[in-house]
């Protein structure tokens, strides 16, 4: 399918996809519950452009620890998050949820904080 043709009708295709999903919602929910590894792999691929194998390589390279605070995966309630630059999409490493959230907050506000410190 031609990209121009698709993008000219993108809302139509999105609506068709939504309708298909809701018609088969129970099937999809059951499938993802039965195949969590496929869901994880699809999620990694869609969000960050990496596979589960690439995530595992990063995990092993970091010895299963957060790059910032160094806490091991065993101490955490959830898997290490993939930290990436939202502008360039470059993956920086794996972080615990706490460090990832703090880093995101600081990235959002760093310019305002620096401006405040310069002027006061």
Protein backbone atom coordinates (compact mmCIF):
# COMPACT_ATOMS: atom_id res chain seq x y z
CA UNK A 1 0.00 0.00 0.00
CA UNK A 2 1.25 3.46 -0.89
CA UNK A 3 2.26 5.56 2.15
CA UNK A 4 0.52 8.68 0.83
CA UNK A 5 -2.67 6.69 0.32
CA UNK A 6 -2.44 5.28 3.84
CA UNK A 7 -1.74 8.61 5.56
CA UNK A 8 -4.53 10.31 3.65
CA UNK A 9 -6.91 7.73 5.16
CA UNK A 10 -5.19 7.02 8.47
CA UNK A 11 -8.23 7.83 10.61
CA UNK A 12 -10.32 5.39 8.59
CA UNK A 13 -7.78 2.60 9.20
CA UNK A 14 -7.50 3.42 12.90
CA UNK A 15 -11.28 3.28 13.26
CA UNK A 16 -11.37 -0.09 11.48
CA UNK A 17 -8.66 -1.40 13.83
CA UNK A 18 -10.60 -0.18 16.89
CA UNK A 19 -13.78 -1.81 15.64
CA UNK A 20 -11.95 -5.08 15.00
CA UNK A 21 -10.37 -5.00 18.45
CA UNK A 22 -13.69 -4.42 20.22
CA UNK A 23 -15.42 -7.13 18.20
CA UNK A 24 -12.73 -9.58 19.34
CA UNK A 25 -11.83 -8.02 22.70
CA UNK A 26 -12.28 -11.19 24.77
CA UNK A 27 -10.08 -13.16 22.38
CA UNK A 28 -7.32 -10.53 22.55
CA UNK A 29 -7.43 -10.32 26.34
CA UNK A 30 -7.28 -14.11 26.68
CA UNK A 31 -4.45 -14.36 24.13
CA UNK A 32 -2.26 -11.78 25.87
CA UNK A 33 -2.84 -13.42 29.27
CA UNK A 34 -1.78 -16.77 27.81
CA UNK A 35 1.27 -15.32 26.00
CA UNK A 36 2.83 -12.64 28.26
CA UNK A 37 6.25 -13.02 26.62
CA UNK A 38 4.77 -12.12 23.22
CA UNK A 39 3.05 -9.11 24.73
CA UNK A 40 6.30 -7.97 26.35
CA UNK A 41 8.21 -8.41 23.10
CA UNK A 42 5.56 -6.50 21.13
CA UNK A 43 5.57 -3.74 23.74
CA UNK A 44 9.37 -3.40 23.66
CA UNK A 45 9.36 -3.36 19.87
CA UNK A 46 6.56 -0.78 19.59
CA UNK A 47 7.79 1.57 22.33
CA UNK A 48 11.56 1.36 22.02
CA UNK A 49 12.38 -0.55 18.82
CA UNK A 50 14.17 -3.39 20.64
CA UNK A 51 13.50 -7.09 21.08
CA UNK A 52 13.37 -9.09 24.29
CA UNK A 53 16.82 -10.45 23.45
CA UNK A 54 18.23 -6.92 23.26
CA UNK A 55 16.58 -6.10 26.61
CA UNK A 56 18.19 -9.21 28.12
CA UNK A 57 21.61 -8.16 26.75
CA UNK A 58 21.23 -4.73 28.39
CA UNK A 59 20.10 -6.41 31.60
CA UNK A 60 23.14 -8.73 31.64
CA UNK A 61 25.52 -5.87 30.75
CA UNK A 62 24.20 -3.95 33.78
CA UNK A 63 24.30 -7.11 35.93
CA UNK A 64 20.57 -6.76 36.58
CA UNK A 65 20.96 -3.42 38.38
CA UNK A 66 19.60 0.07 37.87
CA UNK A 67 22.19 2.29 36.17
CA UNK A 68 21.60 5.18 38.55
CA UNK A 69 20.98 3.81 42.06
CA UNK A 70 22.44 0.33 41.54
CA UNK A 71 19.53 -1.54 43.15
CA UNK A 72 19.28 -5.12 41.84
CA UNK A 73 16.15 -6.36 40.07
CA UNK A 74 15.42 -8.74 42.98
CA UNK A 75 14.74 -5.77 45.30
CA UNK A 76 12.29 -4.14 42.88
CA UNK A 77 8.56 -4.74 42.47
CA UNK A 78 8.62 -4.29 38.67
CA UNK A 79 11.05 -4.92 35.82
CA UNK A 80 13.75 -2.40 35.05
CA UNK A 81 12.39 0.29 32.73
CA UNK A 82 13.98 1.11 29.39
CA UNK A 83 15.38 4.64 29.67
CA UNK A 84 15.52 6.50 26.38
CA UNK A 85 15.81 10.01 25.01
CA UNK A 86 12.37 11.14 23.83
CA UNK A 87 13.88 13.38 21.15
CA UNK A 88 16.44 11.02 19.58
CA UNK A 89 14.86 7.69 20.67
CA UNK A 90 18.33 6.49 21.72
CA UNK A 91 18.25 3.95 24.56
CA UNK A 92 20.48 4.92 27.47
CA UNK A 93 20.00 1.87 29.68
CA UNK A 94 17.71 0.21 32.21
CA UNK A 95 16.51 2.03 35.30
CA UNK A 96 14.31 1.21 38.26
CA UNK A 97 10.91 2.90 38.10
CA UNK A 98 11.86 5.43 40.78
CA UNK A 99 15.02 6.62 39.03
CA UNK A 100 13.28 6.64 35.65
CA UNK A 101 10.45 8.80 37.00
CA UNK A 102 12.85 11.22 38.70
CA UNK A 103 14.97 11.48 35.57
CA UNK A 104 11.89 12.21 33.46
CA UNK A 105 10.79 14.90 35.89
CA UNK A 106 14.24 16.53 35.90
CA UNK A 107 14.47 16.46 32.10
CA UNK A 108 11.11 18.22 31.89
CA UNK A 109 12.00 20.94 34.40
CA UNK A 110 15.81 21.31 34.17
CA UNK A 111 15.71 24.47 32.00
CA UNK A 112 13.29 26.19 34.37
CA UNK A 113 15.32 25.14 37.42
CA UNK A 114 18.59 26.40 35.87
CA UNK A 115 16.93 29.68 34.91
CA UNK A 116 15.59 30.09 38.44
CA UNK A 117 19.01 29.42 40.01
CA UNK A 118 20.74 31.90 37.66
CA UNK A 119 18.29 34.68 38.44
CA UNK A 120 18.09 34.23 42.23
